[in-house]
């Protein structure tokens, strides 16, 4: 499975940021999460095809 990331520092940064900056940071982190999940899916698919 995907490893959990430490979010304490990120949340602290978000809390202290201005609304616009906060929106940008959340958008960036969201893109990062989606990318990581798609990469994990690709790995799973390749493992299934090689083992089958």
N, C-alpha and C. Protein backbone atom coordinates (compact mmCIF):
# COMPACT_ATOMS: atom_id res chain seq x y z
N UNK A 1 0.85 -1.21 0.00
CA UNK A 1 0.00 0.00 0.00
C UNK A 1 0.87 1.25 0.00
N UNK A 2 0.19 2.37 -0.21
CA UNK A 2 0.89 3.65 -0.19
C UNK A 2 1.30 4.00 1.24
N UNK A 3 2.47 4.53 1.39
CA UNK A 3 2.90 4.95 2.72
C UNK A 3 2.19 6.24 3.09
N UNK A 4 1.86 6.37 4.36
CA UNK A 4 1.25 7.62 4.83
C UNK A 4 2.32 8.68 4.93
N UNK A 5 1.98 9.88 4.50
CA UNK A 5 2.94 10.98 4.58
C UNK A 5 2.67 11.78 5.84
N UNK A 6 3.70 12.41 6.36
CA UNK A 6 3.52 13.26 7.53
C UNK A 6 2.93 14.59 7.09
N UNK A 7 1.82 14.97 7.66
CA UNK A 7 1.12 16.16 7.19
C UNK A 7 1.15 17.31 8.20
N UNK A 8 1.75 17.11 9.36
CA UNK A 8 1.69 18.13 10.40
C UNK A 8 2.30 19.45 9.91
N UNK A 9 3.48 19.38 9.32
CA UNK A 9 4.14 20.60 8.85
C UNK A 9 3.32 21.26 7.75
N UNK A 10 2.77 20.44 6.84
CA UNK A 10 1.94 20.97 5.76
C UNK A 10 0.72 21.69 6.32
N UNK A 11 0.05 21.06 7.29
CA UNK A 11 -1.15 21.67 7.87
C UNK A 11 -0.82 22.98 8.58
N UNK A 12 0.35 23.02 9.24
CA UNK A 12 0.75 24.25 9.91
C UNK A 12 0.99 25.36 8.87
N UNK A 13 1.62 25.01 7.76
CA UNK A 13 1.85 25.99 6.71
C UNK A 13 0.54 26.50 6.14
N UNK A 14 -0.40 25.60 5.95
CA UNK A 14 -1.71 25.96 5.39
C UNK A 14 -2.43 26.93 6.33
N UNK A 15 -2.39 26.60 7.62
CA UNK A 15 -3.11 27.41 8.60
C UNK A 15 -2.60 28.85 8.62
N UNK A 16 -1.28 29.02 8.44
CA UNK A 16 -0.70 30.36 8.53
C UNK A 16 -0.70 31.11 7.20
N UNK A 17 -1.14 30.47 6.12
CA UNK A 17 -1.07 31.09 4.80
C UNK A 17 -2.30 31.96 4.53
N UNK A 18 -2.15 32.85 3.58
CA UNK A 18 -3.29 33.68 3.15
C UNK A 18 -4.26 32.81 2.35
N UNK A 19 -5.52 33.22 2.20
CA UNK A 19 -6.51 32.40 1.50
C UNK A 19 -6.08 31.99 0.08
N UNK A 20 -5.52 32.95 -0.68
CA UNK A 20 -5.10 32.62 -2.05
C UNK A 20 -3.96 31.62 -2.03
N UNK A 21 -2.99 31.86 -1.16
CA UNK A 21 -1.84 30.96 -1.06
C UNK A 21 -2.31 29.57 -0.62
N UNK A 22 -3.26 29.55 0.30
CA UNK A 22 -3.79 28.28 0.80
C UNK A 22 -4.42 27.48 -0.33
N UNK A 23 -5.17 28.18 -1.19
CA UNK A 23 -5.83 27.52 -2.32
C UNK A 23 -4.80 26.90 -3.26
N UNK A 24 -3.73 27.65 -3.53
CA UNK A 24 -2.67 27.15 -4.41
C UNK A 24 -1.99 25.94 -3.80
N UNK A 25 -1.68 26.01 -2.50
CA UNK A 25 -1.00 24.91 -1.84
C UNK A 25 -1.86 23.65 -1.85
N UNK A 26 -3.15 23.82 -1.59
CA UNK A 26 -4.04 22.67 -1.58
C UNK A 26 -4.15 22.06 -2.97
N UNK A 27 -4.20 22.91 -3.99
CA UNK A 27 -4.28 22.42 -5.36
C UNK A 27 -3.03 21.62 -5.71
N UNK A 28 -1.86 22.15 -5.33
CA UNK A 28 -0.60 21.46 -5.62
C UNK A 28 -0.52 20.11 -4.92
N UNK A 29 -0.89 20.10 -3.64
CA UNK A 29 -0.80 18.85 -2.89
C UNK A 29 -1.80 17.84 -3.43
N UNK A 30 -2.94 18.32 -3.89
CA UNK A 30 -3.96 17.43 -4.45
C UNK A 30 -3.44 16.76 -5.73
N UNK A 31 -2.79 17.56 -6.57
CA UNK A 31 -2.21 17.02 -7.80
C UNK A 31 -1.16 15.98 -7.48
N UNK A 32 -0.36 16.25 -6.44
CA UNK A 32 0.68 15.32 -6.03
C UNK A 32 0.08 13.99 -5.58
N UNK A 33 -1.02 14.06 -4.81
CA UNK A 33 -1.68 12.87 -4.30
C UNK A 33 -2.25 12.05 -5.46
N UNK A 34 -2.91 12.74 -6.41
CA UNK A 34 -3.48 12.04 -7.55
C UNK A 34 -2.38 11.35 -8.36
N UNK A 35 -1.27 12.03 -8.54
CA UNK A 35 -0.16 11.46 -9.29
C UNK A 35 0.37 10.22 -8.59
N UNK A 36 0.53 10.30 -7.27
CA UNK A 36 1.04 9.18 -6.50
C UNK A 36 0.10 7.97 -6.59
N UNK A 37 -1.21 8.26 -6.53
CA UNK A 37 -2.19 7.18 -6.60
C UNK A 37 -2.19 6.51 -7.96
N UNK A 38 -2.06 7.32 -9.02
CA UNK A 38 -2.04 6.74 -10.37
C UNK A 38 -0.77 5.90 -10.56
N UNK A 39 0.34 6.36 -10.00
CA UNK A 39 1.59 5.59 -10.10
C UNK A 39 1.43 4.25 -9.38
N UNK A 40 0.79 4.28 -8.23
CA UNK A 40 0.56 3.05 -7.46
C UNK A 40 -0.30 2.09 -8.27
N UNK A 41 -1.32 2.63 -8.94
CA UNK A 41 -2.19 1.81 -9.79
C UNK A 41 -1.42 1.16 -10.91
N UNK A 42 -0.52 1.92 -11.53
CA UNK A 42 0.29 1.39 -12.62
C UNK A 42 1.16 0.24 -12.12
N UNK A 43 1.75 0.41 -10.94
CA UNK A 43 2.60 -0.64 -10.36
C UNK A 43 1.77 -1.90 -10.14
N UNK A 44 0.57 -1.72 -9.59
CA UNK A 44 -0.30 -2.87 -9.33
C UNK A 44 -0.63 -3.60 -10.63
N UNK A 45 -0.94 -2.85 -11.69
CA UNK A 45 -1.30 -3.46 -12.97
C UNK A 45 -0.13 -4.26 -13.53
N UNK A 46 1.09 -3.70 -13.45
CA UNK A 46 2.25 -4.41 -14.00
C UNK A 46 2.55 -5.66 -13.18
N UNK A 47 2.33 -5.61 -11.87
CA UNK A 47 2.55 -6.80 -11.04
C UNK A 47 1.56 -7.89 -11.39
N UNK A 48 0.30 -7.50 -11.66
CA UNK A 48 -0.73 -8.50 -12.01
C UNK A 48 -0.39 -9.15 -13.33
N UNK A 49 0.05 -8.39 -14.32
CA UNK A 49 0.34 -8.96 -15.63
C UNK A 49 1.58 -9.84 -15.60
N UNK A 50 2.58 -9.47 -14.79
CA UNK A 50 3.79 -10.30 -14.74
C UNK A 50 3.55 -11.59 -13.96
N UNK A 51 2.70 -11.55 -12.95
CA UNK A 51 2.44 -12.75 -12.14
C UNK A 51 1.45 -13.68 -12.83
N UNK A 52 0.61 -13.16 -13.70
CA UNK A 52 -0.42 -13.98 -14.35
C UNK A 52 0.13 -14.81 -15.50
